């Protein structure tokens, strides 16, 4: 289970690096996102994942994406598109 979660988290690295490089999220915020995503991934990989675990993870990711879009918009329309814009 831990190997699977580790692999999933490693797949997220390019997206998170892009968000930090473009200054959409700070290093501290990226660490919080990683911690929260890791927690959710472990919940989903347990023997009997609950429907509420999926729903909470989806809601969390929606909130992160809304914040990402808002901050990108605040940077201006000419902001460079990156990996995080198409990740997922």
Protein backbone atom coordinates (compact mmCIF):
# COMPACT_ATOMS: atom_id res chain seq x y z
CA UNK A 1 0.00 0.00 0.00
CA UNK A 2 2.76 2.45 0.92
CA UNK A 3 4.55 1.80 -2.39
CA UNK A 4 1.40 2.59 -4.34
CA UNK A 5 0.80 5.83 -2.44
CA UNK A 6 4.47 6.80 -2.87
CA UNK A 7 4.21 6.21 -6.63
CA UNK A 8 1.02 8.30 -6.88
CA UNK A 9 2.64 11.12 -4.93
CA UNK A 10 5.75 11.03 -7.14
CA UNK A 11 3.52 11.43 -10.19
CA UNK A 12 2.28 14.73 -8.71
CA UNK A 13 5.77 16.26 -8.40
CA UNK A 14 5.89 18.01 -11.82
CA UNK A 15 2.52 19.67 -11.19
CA UNK A 16 3.52 20.84 -7.71
CA UNK A 17 6.92 22.09 -8.88
CA UNK A 18 5.19 24.06 -11.61
CA UNK A 19 2.80 25.66 -9.11
CA UNK A 20 5.71 26.70 -6.92
CA UNK A 21 7.85 27.93 -9.82
CA UNK A 22 5.01 30.11 -11.11
CA UNK A 23 4.48 31.38 -7.54
CA UNK A 24 0.86 30.30 -7.42
CA UNK A 25 1.52 28.46 -4.15
CA UNK A 26 4.33 28.98 -1.65
CA UNK A 27 6.67 26.21 -0.55
CA UNK A 28 4.76 26.00 2.75
CA UNK A 29 1.44 25.65 0.92
CA UNK A 30 2.88 22.94 -1.35
CA UNK A 31 3.96 21.00 1.73
CA UNK A 32 0.43 21.27 3.13
CA UNK A 33 -1.05 20.08 -0.17
CA UNK A 34 1.33 17.09 -0.23
CA UNK A 35 0.49 16.22 3.37
CA UNK A 36 -3.26 16.39 2.74
CA UNK A 37 -3.08 14.45 -0.54
CA UNK A 38 -0.94 11.75 1.11
CA UNK A 39 -3.51 11.43 3.88
CA UNK A 40 -6.35 11.06 1.38
CA UNK A 41 -4.42 8.57 -0.76
CA UNK A 42 -3.83 6.35 2.27
CA UNK A 43 -7.53 6.52 3.13
CA UNK A 44 -8.45 5.43 -0.39
CA UNK A 45 -5.94 2.56 -0.42
CA UNK A 46 -7.13 0.94 2.79
CA UNK A 47 -9.11 -2.25 2.63
CA UNK A 48 -12.53 -0.68 2.80
CA UNK A 49 -12.38 2.85 1.46
CA UNK A 50 -15.52 4.76 2.27
CA UNK A 51 -17.60 6.82 -0.11
CA UNK A 52 -17.14 9.80 2.20
CA UNK A 53 -13.34 9.49 1.81
CA UNK A 54 -13.70 9.91 -1.95
CA UNK A 55 -16.13 12.79 -1.58
CA UNK A 56 -13.88 14.64 0.89
CA UNK A 57 -10.86 14.19 -1.39
CA UNK A 58 -12.82 15.47 -4.38
CA UNK A 59 -14.02 18.49 -2.41
CA UNK A 60 -10.49 19.23 -1.21
CA UNK A 61 -9.13 19.07 -4.77
CA UNK A 62 -11.93 21.33 -6.00
CA UNK A 63 -10.97 23.90 -3.36
CA UNK A 64 -7.29 23.71 -4.32
CA UNK A 65 -8.17 24.09 -8.00
CA UNK A 66 -10.45 27.06 -7.31
CA UNK A 67 -7.67 28.76 -5.36
CA UNK A 68 -5.16 27.97 -8.13
CA UNK A 69 -7.44 29.49 -10.78
CA UNK A 70 -8.08 32.57 -8.64
CA UNK A 71 -4.38 33.18 -8.02
CA UNK A 72 -3.56 32.62 -11.67
CA UNK A 73 -6.20 35.13 -12.64
CA UNK A 74 -4.73 37.63 -10.16
CA UNK A 75 -1.35 37.23 -11.91
CA UNK A 76 -2.96 38.37 -15.13
CA UNK A 77 -4.29 36.80 -18.30
CA UNK A 78 -0.84 36.76 -19.88
CA UNK A 79 0.46 34.33 -17.25
CA UNK A 80 2.34 31.41 -18.72
CA UNK A 81 0.48 28.11 -18.92
CA UNK A 82 2.22 25.23 -17.18
CA UNK A 83 1.95 21.62 -16.18
CA UNK A 84 -0.50 22.40 -13.39
CA UNK A 85 -3.00 23.85 -15.86
CA UNK A 86 -3.48 20.48 -17.54
CA UNK A 87 -2.67 18.07 -14.69
CA UNK A 88 -5.26 15.68 -13.52
